[in-house]
PDB file of N, CA and C in Angstrom:
ATOM      1  N   GLY A   1    -169.137  49.731   9.452  1.00  0.00           N
ATOM      2  CA  GLY A   1    -169.704  48.441   9.710  1.00  0.00           C
ATOM      3  C   GLY A   1    -169.311  47.447   8.642  1.00  0.00           C
ATOM      4  N   PHE A   2    -169.806  46.242   8.802  1.00  0.00           N
ATOM      5  CA  PHE A   2    -169.524  45.199   7.828  1.00  0.00           C
ATOM      6  C   PHE A   2    -170.252  45.496   6.521  1.00  0.00           C
ATOM      7  N   ASN A   3    -169.573  45.235   5.419  1.00  0.00           N
ATOM      8  CA  ASN A   3    -170.154  45.378   4.081  1.00  0.00           C
ATOM      9  C   ASN A   3    -170.658  46.796   3.814  1.00  0.00           C
ATOM     10  N   SER A   4    -169.984  47.789   4.343  1.00  0.00           N
ATOM     11  CA  SER A   4    -170.450  49.167   4.168  1.00  0.00           C
ATOM     12  C   SER A   4    -170.460  49.593   2.703  1.00  0.00           C
ATOM     13  N   THR A   5    -169.540  49.072   1.910  1.00  0.00           N
ATOM     14  CA  THR A   5    -169.523  49.419   0.487  1.00  0.00           C
ATOM     15  C   THR A   5    -170.759  48.861  -0.207  1.00  0.00           C
ATOM     16  N   GLN A   6    -171.116  47.614   0.100  1.00  0.00           N
ATOM     17  CA  GLN A   6    -172.311  47.035  -0.505  1.00  0.00           C
ATOM     18  C   GLN A   6    -173.561  47.768  -0.026  1.00  0.00           C
ATOM     19  N   GLN A   7    -173.607  48.114   1.227  1.00  0.00           N
ATOM     20  CA  GLN A   7    -174.765  48.846   1.753  1.00  0.00           C
ATOM     21  C   GLN A   7    -174.916  50.196   1.052  1.00  0.00           C
ATOM     22  N   ALA A   8    -173.807  50.883   0.820  1.00  0.00           N
ATOM     23  CA  ALA A   8    -173.854  52.165   0.117  1.00  0.00           C
ATOM     24  C   ALA A   8    -174.318  51.977  -1.320  1.00  0.00           C
ATOM     25  N   ALA A   9    -173.842  50.921  -1.973  1.00  0.00           N
ATOM     26  CA  ALA A   9    -174.266  50.656  -3.354  1.00  0.00           C
ATOM     27  C   ALA A   9    -175.762  50.388  -3.411  1.00  0.00           C
ATOM     28  N   GLU A  10    -176.263  49.574  -2.489  1.00  0.00           N
ATOM     29  CA  GLU A  10    -177.694  49.279  -2.468  1.00  0.00           C
ATOM     30  C   GLU A  10    -178.513  50.535  -2.195  1.00  0.00           C
ATOM     31  N   ARG A  11    -178.031  51.364  -1.302  1.00  0.00           N
ATOM     32  CA  ARG A  11    -178.726  52.611  -0.980  1.00  0.00           C
ATOM     33  C   ARG A  11    -178.838  53.514  -2.211  1.00  0.00           C
ATOM     34  N   ASP A  12    -177.794  53.476  -3.059  1.00  0.00           N
ATOM     35  CA  ASP A  12    -177.773  54.307  -4.259  1.00  0.00           C
ATOM     36  C   ASP A  12    -178.351  53.605  -5.482  1.00  0.00           C
ATOM     37  N   GLY A  13    -178.879  52.395  -5.289  1.00  0.00           N
ATOM     38  CA  GLY A  13    -179.495  51.672  -6.391  1.00  0.00           C
ATOM     39  C   GLY A  13    -178.518  51.029  -7.350  1.00  0.00           C
ATOM     40  N   VAL A  14    -177.288  50.818  -6.914  1.00  0.00           N
ATOM     41  CA  VAL A  14    -176.267  50.196  -7.760  1.00  0.00           C
ATOM     42  C   VAL A  14    -176.229  48.701  -7.451  1.00  0.00           C
ATOM     43  N   PRO A  15    -176.404  47.844  -8.450  1.00  0.00           N
ATOM     44  CA  PRO A  15    -176.352  46.399  -8.197  1.00  0.00           C
ATOM     45  C   PRO A  15    -174.995  45.996  -7.621  1.00  0.00           C
ATOM     46  N   SER A  16    -175.022  45.133  -6.621  1.00  0.00           N
ATOM     47  CA  SER A  16    -173.769  44.667  -6.023  1.00  0.00           C
ATOM     48  C   SER A  16    -173.989  43.291  -5.411  1.00  0.00           C
ATOM     49  N   ARG A  17    -172.922  42.543  -5.269  1.00  0.00           N
ATOM     50  CA  ARG A  17    -172.930  41.236  -4.624  1.00  0.00           C
ATOM     51  C   ARG A  17    -171.612  41.079  -3.892  1.00  0.00           C
ATOM     52  N   LEU A  18    -171.653  40.375  -2.785  1.00  0.00           N
ATOM     53  CA  LEU A  18    -170.431  40.029  -2.073  1.00  0.00           C
ATOM     54  C   LEU A  18    -169.829  38.783  -2.692  1.00  0.00           C
ATOM     55  N   VAL A  19    -168.520  38.696  -2.695  1.00  0.00           N
ATOM     56  CA  VAL A  19    -167.842  37.496  -3.162  1.00  0.00           C
ATOM     57  C   VAL A  19    -167.909  36.472  -2.033  1.00  0.00           C
ATOM     58  N   PHE A  20    -168.555  35.353  -2.298  1.00  0.00           N
ATOM     59  CA  PHE A  20    -168.720  34.300  -1.299  1.00  0.00           C
ATOM     60  C   PHE A  20    -167.376  33.665  -0.960  1.00  0.00           C
ATOM     61  N   ARG A  21    -166.587  33.398  -1.980  1.00  0.00           N
ATOM     62  CA  ARG A  21    -165.311  32.730  -1.750  1.00  0.00           C
ATOM     63  C   ARG A  21    -164.424  32.905  -2.978  1.00  0.00           C
ATOM     64  N   THR A  22    -163.117  32.912  -2.738  1.00  0.00           N
ATOM     65  CA  THR A  22    -162.141  32.877  -3.818  1.00  0.00           C
ATOM     66  C   THR A  22    -161.556  31.483  -3.858  1.00  0.00           C
ATOM     67  N   LEU A  23    -161.783  30.803  -4.956  1.00  0.00           N
ATOM     68  CA  LEU A  23    -161.284  29.439  -5.108  1.00  0.00           C
ATOM     69  C   LEU A  23    -159.802  29.458  -5.431  1.00  0.00           C
ATOM     70  N   ASP A  24    -159.097  28.501  -4.905  1.00  0.00           N
ATOM     71  CA  ASP A  24    -157.673  28.319  -5.150  1.00  0.00           C
ATOM     72  C   ASP A  24    -156.851  29.516  -4.694  1.00  0.00           C
ATOM     73  N   ALA A  25    -157.291  30.172  -3.627  1.00  0.00           N
ATOM     74  CA  ALA A  25    -156.546  31.314  -3.109  1.00  0.00           C
ATOM     75  C   ALA A  25    -155.195  30.885  -2.539  1.00  0.00           C
ATOM     76  N   ASP A  26    -155.120  29.648  -2.053  1.00  0.00           N
ATOM     77  CA  ASP A  26    -153.888  29.152  -1.432  1.00  0.00           C
ATOM     78  C   ASP A  26    -153.375  27.891  -2.115  1.00  0.00           C
ATOM     79  N   ALA A  27    -153.446  27.846  -3.425  1.00  0.00           N
ATOM     80  CA  ALA A  27    -153.003  26.674  -4.191  1.00  0.00           C
ATOM     81  C   ALA A  27    -153.609  25.393  -3.638  1.00  0.00           C
ATOM     82  N   GLN A  28    -154.921  25.376  -3.533  1.00  0.00           N
ATOM     83  CA  GLN A  28    -155.637  24.246  -2.965  1.00  0.00           C
ATOM     84  C   GLN A  28    -155.706  23.077  -3.936  1.00  0.00           C
ATOM     85  N   SER A  29    -155.967  21.916  -3.390  1.00  0.00           N
ATOM     86  CA  SER A  29    -156.112  20.714  -4.215  1.00  0.00           C
ATOM     87  C   SER A  29    -157.442  20.768  -4.965  1.00  0.00           C
ATOM     88  N   ASP A  30    -157.554  19.935  -5.987  1.00  0.00           N
ATOM     89  CA  ASP A  30    -158.807  19.852  -6.741  1.00  0.00           C
ATOM     90  C   ASP A  30    -159.956  19.439  -5.828  1.00  0.00           C
ATOM     91  N   ASP A  31    -159.696  18.527  -4.902  1.00  0.00           N
ATOM     92  CA  ASP A  31    -160.739  18.095  -3.968  1.00  0.00           C
ATOM     93  C   ASP A  31    -161.227  19.250  -3.097  1.00  0.00           C
ATOM     94  N   ALA A  32    -160.305  20.081  -2.632  1.00  0.00           N
ATOM     95  CA  ALA A  32    -160.688  21.235  -1.807  1.00  0.00           C
ATOM     96  C   ALA A  32    -161.533  22.220  -2.614  1.00  0.00           C
ATOM     97  N   ILE A  33    -161.170  22.424  -3.866  1.00  0.00           N
ATOM     98  CA  ILE A  33    -161.942  23.330  -4.725  1.00  0.00           C
ATOM     99  C   ILE A  33    -163.340  22.775  -4.944  1.00  0.00           C
ATOM    100  N   ARG A  34    -163.447  21.486  -5.191  1.00  0.00           N
ATOM    101  CA  ARG A  34    -164.764  20.871  -5.389  1.00  0.00           C
ATOM    102  C   ARG A  34    -165.628  20.971  -4.127  1.00  0.00           C
ATOM    103  N   ARG A  35    -165.026  20.793  -2.960  1.00  0.00           N
ATOM    104  CA  ARG A  35    -165.781  20.956  -1.703  1.00  0.00           C
ATOM    105  C   ARG A  35    -166.302  22.378  -1.562  1.00  0.00           C
ATOM    106  N   GLN A  36    -165.479  23.354  -1.922  1.00  0.00           N
ATOM    107  CA  GLN A  36    -165.907  24.747  -1.846  1.00  0.00           C
ATOM    108  C   GLN A  36    -167.034  25.028  -2.834  1.00  0.00           C
ATOM    109  N   LEU A  37    -166.967  24.415  -3.996  1.00  0.00           N
ATOM    110  CA  LEU A  37    -168.043  24.569  -4.974  1.00  0.00           C
ATOM    111  C   LEU A  37    -169.336  23.944  -4.459  1.00  0.00           C
ATOM    112  N   ASP A  38    -169.235  22.809  -3.795  1.00  0.00           N
ATOM    113  CA  ASP A  38    -170.420  22.187  -3.197  1.00  0.00           C
ATOM    114  C   ASP A  38    -171.022  23.093  -2.123  1.00  0.00           C
ATOM    115  N   GLN A  39    -170.174  23.718  -1.312  1.00  0.00           N
ATOM    116  CA  GLN A  39    -170.651  24.644  -0.288  1.00  0.00           C
ATOM    117  C   GLN A  39    -171.329  25.852  -0.928  1.00  0.00           C
ATOM    118  N   ALA A  40    -170.763  26.343  -2.005  1.00  0.00           N
ATOM    119  CA  ALA A  40    -171.346  27.491  -2.708  1.00  0.00           C
ATOM    120  C   ALA A  40    -172.702  27.124  -3.310  1.00  0.00           C
ATOM    121  N   THR A  41    -172.829  25.894  -3.802  1.00  0.00           N
ATOM    122  CA  THR A  41    -174.107  25.434  -4.353  1.00  0.00           C
ATOM    123  C   THR A  41    -175.175  25.415  -3.265  1.00  0.00           C
ATOM    124  N   PHE A  42    -174.803  24.919  -2.096  1.00  0.00           N
ATOM    125  CA  PHE A  42    -175.731  24.910  -0.963  1.00  0.00           C
ATOM    126  C   PHE A  42    -176.176  26.332  -0.628  1.00  0.00           C
ATOM    127  N   ARG A  43    -175.230  27.264  -0.580  1.00  0.00           N
ATOM    128  CA  ARG A  43    -175.548  28.661  -0.273  1.00  0.00           C
ATOM    129  C   ARG A  43    -176.410  29.285  -1.368  1.00  0.00           C
ATOM    130  N   ALA A  44    -176.138  28.949  -2.613  1.00  0.00           N
ATOM    131  CA  ALA A  44    -176.913  29.507  -3.726  1.00  0.00           C
ATOM    132  C   ALA A  44    -178.368  29.059  -3.662  1.00  0.00           C
ATOM    133  N   ARG A  45    -178.604  27.857  -3.166  1.00  0.00           N
ATOM    134  CA  ARG A  45    -179.992  27.407  -3.010  1.00  0.00           C
ATOM    135  C   ARG A  45    -180.735  28.282  -2.008  1.00  0.00           C
ATOM    136  N   GLN A  46    -180.037  28.832  -1.059  1.00  0.00           N
ATOM    137  CA  GLN A  46    -180.644  29.712  -0.059  1.00  0.00           C
ATOM    138  C   GLN A  46    -180.769  31.144  -0.562  1.00  0.00           C
ATOM    139  N   ASP A  47    -179.737  31.623  -1.253  1.00  0.00           N
ATOM    140  CA  ASP A  47    -179.650  33.035  -1.634  1.00  0.00           C
ATOM    141  C   ASP A  47    -179.926  33.323  -3.106  1.00  0.00           C
ATOM    142  N   ARG A  48    -180.243  32.317  -3.895  1.00  0.00           N
ATOM    143  CA  ARG A  48    -180.517  32.408  -5.329  1.00  0.00           C
ATOM    144  C   ARG A  48    -179.282  32.597  -6.195  1.00  0.00           C
ATOM    145  N   SER A  49    -178.237  33.198  -5.680  1.00  0.00           N
ATOM    146  CA  SER A  49    -177.001  33.313  -6.456  1.00  0.00           C
ATOM    147  C   SER A  49    -175.823  33.469  -5.498  1.00  0.00           C
ATOM    148  N   VAL A  50    -174.668  33.045  -5.968  1.00  0.00           N
ATOM    149  CA  VAL A  50    -173.435  33.160  -5.205  1.00  0.00           C
ATOM    150  C   VAL A  50    -172.344  33.589  -6.171  1.00  0.00           C
ATOM    151  N   VAL A  51    -171.512  34.499  -5.736  1.00  0.00           N
ATOM    152  CA  VAL A  51    -170.396  34.945  -6.566  1.00  0.00           C
ATOM    153  C   VAL A  51    -169.118  34.309  -6.030  1.00  0.00           C
ATOM    154  N   LEU A  52    -168.433  33.623  -6.925  1.00  0.00           N
ATOM    155  CA  LEU A  52    -167.137  33.029  -6.619  1.00  0.00           C
ATOM    156  C   LEU A  52    -166.118  33.629  -7.571  1.00  0.00           C
ATOM    157  N   THR A  53    -164.904  33.745  -7.118  1.00  0.00           N
ATOM    158  CA  THR A  53    -163.812  34.096  -8.021  1.00  0.00           C
ATOM    159  C   THR A  53    -162.845  32.922  -8.017  1.00  0.00           C
ATOM    160  N   VAL A  54    -162.116  32.770  -9.089  1.00  0.00           N
ATOM    161  CA  VAL A  54    -161.148  31.680  -9.185  1.00  0.00           C
ATOM    162  C   VAL A  54    -159.918  32.190  -9.923  1.00  0.00           C
ATOM    163  N   ARG A  55    -158.778  31.767  -9.452  1.00  0.00           N
ATOM    164  CA  ARG A  55    -157.547  32.111 -10.174  1.00  0.00           C
ATOM    165  C   ARG A  55    -157.571  31.387 -11.508  1.00  0.00           C
ATOM    166  N   SER A  56    -156.996  31.975 -12.490  1.00  0.00           N
ATOM    167  CA  SER A  56    -157.122  31.411 -13.831  1.00  0.00           C
ATOM    168  C   SER A  56    -156.038  30.396 -14.173  1.00  0.00           C
ATOM    169  N   GLY A  57    -155.526  29.712 -13.177  1.00  0.00           N
ATOM    170  CA  GLY A  57    -154.550  28.650 -13.439  1.00  0.00           C
ATOM    171  C   GLY A  57    -155.222  27.430 -14.039  1.00  0.00           C
ATOM    172  N   LEU A  58    -154.468  26.664 -14.759  1.00  0.00           N
ATOM    173  CA  LEU A  58    -155.005  25.494 -15.452  1.00  0.00           C
ATOM    174  C   LEU A  58    -155.657  24.512 -14.484  1.00  0.00           C
ATOM    175  N   SER A  59    -155.023  24.231 -13.351  1.00  0.00           N
ATOM    176  CA  SER A  59    -155.589  23.252 -12.420  1.00  0.00           C
ATOM    177  C   SER A  59    -156.874  23.771 -11.786  1.00  0.00           C
ATOM    178  N   SER A  60    -156.939  25.061 -11.491  1.00  0.00           N
ATOM    179  CA  SER A  60    -158.152  25.637 -10.887  1.00  0.00           C
ATOM    180  C   SER A  60    -159.324  25.574 -11.852  1.00  0.00           C
ATOM    181  N   VAL A  61    -159.101  26.030 -13.051  1.00  0.00           N
ATOM    182  CA  VAL A  61    -160.165  26.043 -14.060  1.00  0.00           C
ATOM    183  C   VAL A  61    -160.578  24.615 -14.394  1.00  0.00           C
ATOM    184  N   SER A  62    -159.626  23.721 -14.483  1.00  0.00           N
ATOM    185  CA  SER A  62    -159.924  22.319 -14.761  1.00  0.00           C
ATOM    186  C   SER A  62    -160.814  21.722 -13.668  1.00  0.00           C
ATOM    187  N   ALA A  63    -160.512  22.024 -12.407  1.00  0.00           N
ATOM    188  CA  ALA A  63    -161.321  21.510 -11.290  1.00  0.00           C
ATOM    189  C   ALA A  63    -162.746  22.044 -11.366  1.00  0.00           C
ATOM    190  N   VAL A  64    -162.910  23.303 -11.714  1.00  0.00           N
ATOM    191  CA  VAL A  64    -164.255  23.895 -11.830  1.00  0.00           C
ATOM    192  C   VAL A  64    -165.024  23.246 -12.974  1.00  0.00           C
ATOM    193  N   VAL A  65    -164.387  23.073 -14.115  1.00  0.00           N
ATOM    194  CA  VAL A  65    -165.055  22.471 -15.276  1.00  0.00           C
ATOM    195  C   VAL A  65    -165.446  21.022 -14.971  1.00  0.00           C
ATOM    196  N   GLU A  66    -164.540  20.261 -14.392  1.00  0.00           N
ATOM    197  CA  GLU A  66    -164.863  18.871 -14.045  1.00  0.00           C
ATOM    198  C   GLU A  66    -166.031  18.816 -13.069  1.00  0.00           C
ATOM    199  N   TRP A  67    -166.026  19.695 -12.092  1.00  0.00           N
ATOM    200  CA  TRP A  67    -167.109  19.738 -11.104  1.00  0.00           C
ATOM    201  C   TRP A  67    -168.436  20.077 -11.780  1.00  0.00           C
ATOM    202  N   ALA A  68    -168.413  21.058 -12.662  1.00  0.00           N
ATOM    203  CA  ALA A  68    -169.639  21.503 -13.340  1.00  0.00           C
ATOM    204  C   ALA A  68    -170.213  20.419 -14.246  1.00  0.00           C
ATOM    205  N   LEU A  69    -169.375  19.607 -14.835  1.00  0.00           N
ATOM    206  CA  LEU A  69    -169.826  18.576 -15.760  1.00  0.00           C
ATOM    207  C   LEU A  69    -170.292  17.301 -15.056  1.00  0.00           C
ATOM    208  N   ALA A  70    -170.098  17.213 -13.763  1.00  0.00           N
ATOM    209  CA  ALA A  70    -170.426  15.994 -13.013  1.00  0.00           C
ATOM    210  C   ALA A  70    -171.900  15.974 -12.613  1.00  0.00           C
ATOM    211  N   ASN A  71    -172.779  15.833 -13.606  1.00  0.00           N
ATOM    212  CA  ASN A  71    -174.223  15.692 -13.365  1.00  0.00           C
ATOM    213  C   ASN A  71    -174.845  16.860 -12.609  1.00  0.00           C
ATOM    214  N   ARG A  72    -174.396  18.054 -12.873  1.00  0.00           N
ATOM    215  CA  ARG A  72    -174.953  19.230 -12.207  1.00  0.00           C
ATOM    216  C   ARG A  72    -175.683  20.144 -13.187  1.00  0.00           C
ATOM    217  N   THR A  73    -175.978  19.654 -14.345  1.00  0.00           N
ATOM    218  CA  THR A  73    -176.587  20.467 -15.389  1.00  0.00           C
ATOM    219  C   THR A  73    -177.862  21.152 -14.917  1.00  0.00           C
ATOM    220  N   GLY A  74    -178.729  20.447 -14.206  1.00  0.00           N
ATOM    221  CA  GLY A  74    -179.986  21.035 -13.756  1.00  0.00           C
ATOM    222  C   GLY A  74    -179.890  21.785 -12.448  1.00  0.00           C
ATOM    223  N   GLN A  75    -178.740  21.719 -11.786  1.00  0.00           N
ATOM    224  CA  GLN A  75    -178.594  22.323 -10.467  1.00  0.00           C
ATOM    225  C   GLN A  75    -177.854  23.651 -10.482  1.00  0.00           C
ATOM    226  N   VAL A  76    -176.877  23.779 -11.357  1.00  0.00           N
ATOM    227  CA  VAL A  76    -175.955  24.907 -11.301  1.00  0.00           C
ATOM    228  C   VAL A  76    -175.770  25.498 -12.691  1.00  0.00           C
ATOM    229  N   ALA A  77    -175.697  26.807 -12.738  1.00  0.00           N
ATOM    230  CA  ALA A  77    -175.364  27.487 -13.985  1.00  0.00           C
ATOM    231  C   ALA A  77    -174.141  28.357 -13.736  1.00  0.00           C
ATOM    232  N   LEU A  78    -173.059  28.036 -14.422  1.00  0.00           N
ATOM    233  CA  LEU A  78    -171.889  28.897 -14.339  1.00  0.00           C
ATOM    234  C   LEU A  78    -172.153  30.097 -15.227  1.00  0.00           C
ATOM    235  N   ALA A  79    -171.960  31.276 -14.682  1.00  0.00           N
ATOM    236  CA  ALA A  79    -172.295  32.492 -15.419  1.00  0.00           C
ATOM    237  C   ALA A  79    -171.350  33.613 -14.996  1.00  0.00           C
ATOM    238  N   PRO A  80    -171.257  34.642 -15.807  1.00  0.00           N
ATOM    239  CA  PRO A  80    -170.420  35.781 -15.416  1.00  0.00           C
ATOM    240  C   PRO A  80    -171.053  36.530 -14.235  1.00  0.00           C
ATOM    241  N   VAL A  81    -170.258  37.279 -13.544  1.00  0.00           N
ATOM    242  CA  VAL A  81    -170.726  38.047 -12.385  1.00  0.00           C
ATOM    243  C   VAL A  81    -171.896  38.943 -12.767  1.00  0.00           C
ATOM    244  N   SER A  82    -171.892  39.470 -13.966  1.00  0.00           N
ATOM    245  CA  SER A  82    -172.980  40.367 -14.384  1.00  0.00           C
ATOM    246  C   SER A  82    -174.329  39.689 -14.303  1.00  0.00           C
ATOM    247  N   ALA A  83    -174.383  38.376 -14.512  1.00  0.00           N
ATOM    248  CA  ALA A  83    -175.655  37.659 -14.405  1.00  0.00           C
ATOM    249  C   ALA A  83    -176.146  37.655 -12.954  1.00  0.00           C
ATOM    250  N   ALA A  84    -175.249  37.493 -12.006  1.00  0.00           N
ATOM    251  CA  ALA A  84    -175.631  37.514 -10.589  1.00  0.00           C
ATOM    252  C   ALA A  84    -176.137  38.891 -10.182  1.00  0.00           C
ATOM    253  N   LEU A  85    -175.639  39.922 -10.835  1.00  0.00           N
ATOM    254  CA  LEU A  85    -176.094  41.281 -10.502  1.00  0.00           C
ATOM    255  C   LEU A  85    -177.525  41.525 -10.933  1.00  0.00           C
ATOM    256  N   LEU A  86    -178.007  40.729 -11.873  1.00  0.00           N
ATOM    257  CA  LEU A  86    -179.385  40.889 -12.356  1.00  0.00           C
ATOM    258  C   LEU A  86    -180.409  40.177 -11.487  1.00  0.00           C
ATOM    259  N   VAL A  87    -179.929  39.260 -10.612  1.00  0.00           N
ATOM    260  CA  VAL A  87    -180.838  38.490  -9.743  1.00  0.00           C
ATOM    261  C   VAL A  87    -181.276  39.367  -8.578  1.00  0.00           C
ATOM    262  N   GLU A  88    -182.563  39.446  -8.397  1.00  0.00           N
ATOM    263  CA  GLU A  88    -183.082  40.249  -7.273  1.00  0.00           C
ATOM    264  C   GLU A  88    -183.405  39.380  -6.108  1.00  0.00           C
TER     265      GLU A  88
END
């Protein structure tokens, strides 16, 4: 079935999260990355946390940093995946 690996991890008490989206998977523009981040923020409000991955290229990381600094201090916390694993 869908997400069988995550279901098995949960059954065994192992923390797990699905990756919501991979940013810049197809050399996307900064605007496209920011839209995806906005969508992830909306989803995080529903699910308490969202896991995103991003390629470590300069333009990708720059787009994420610019997005995070744009008056989102009280709305979003960028954190390592391990932090999302602690959210119940």
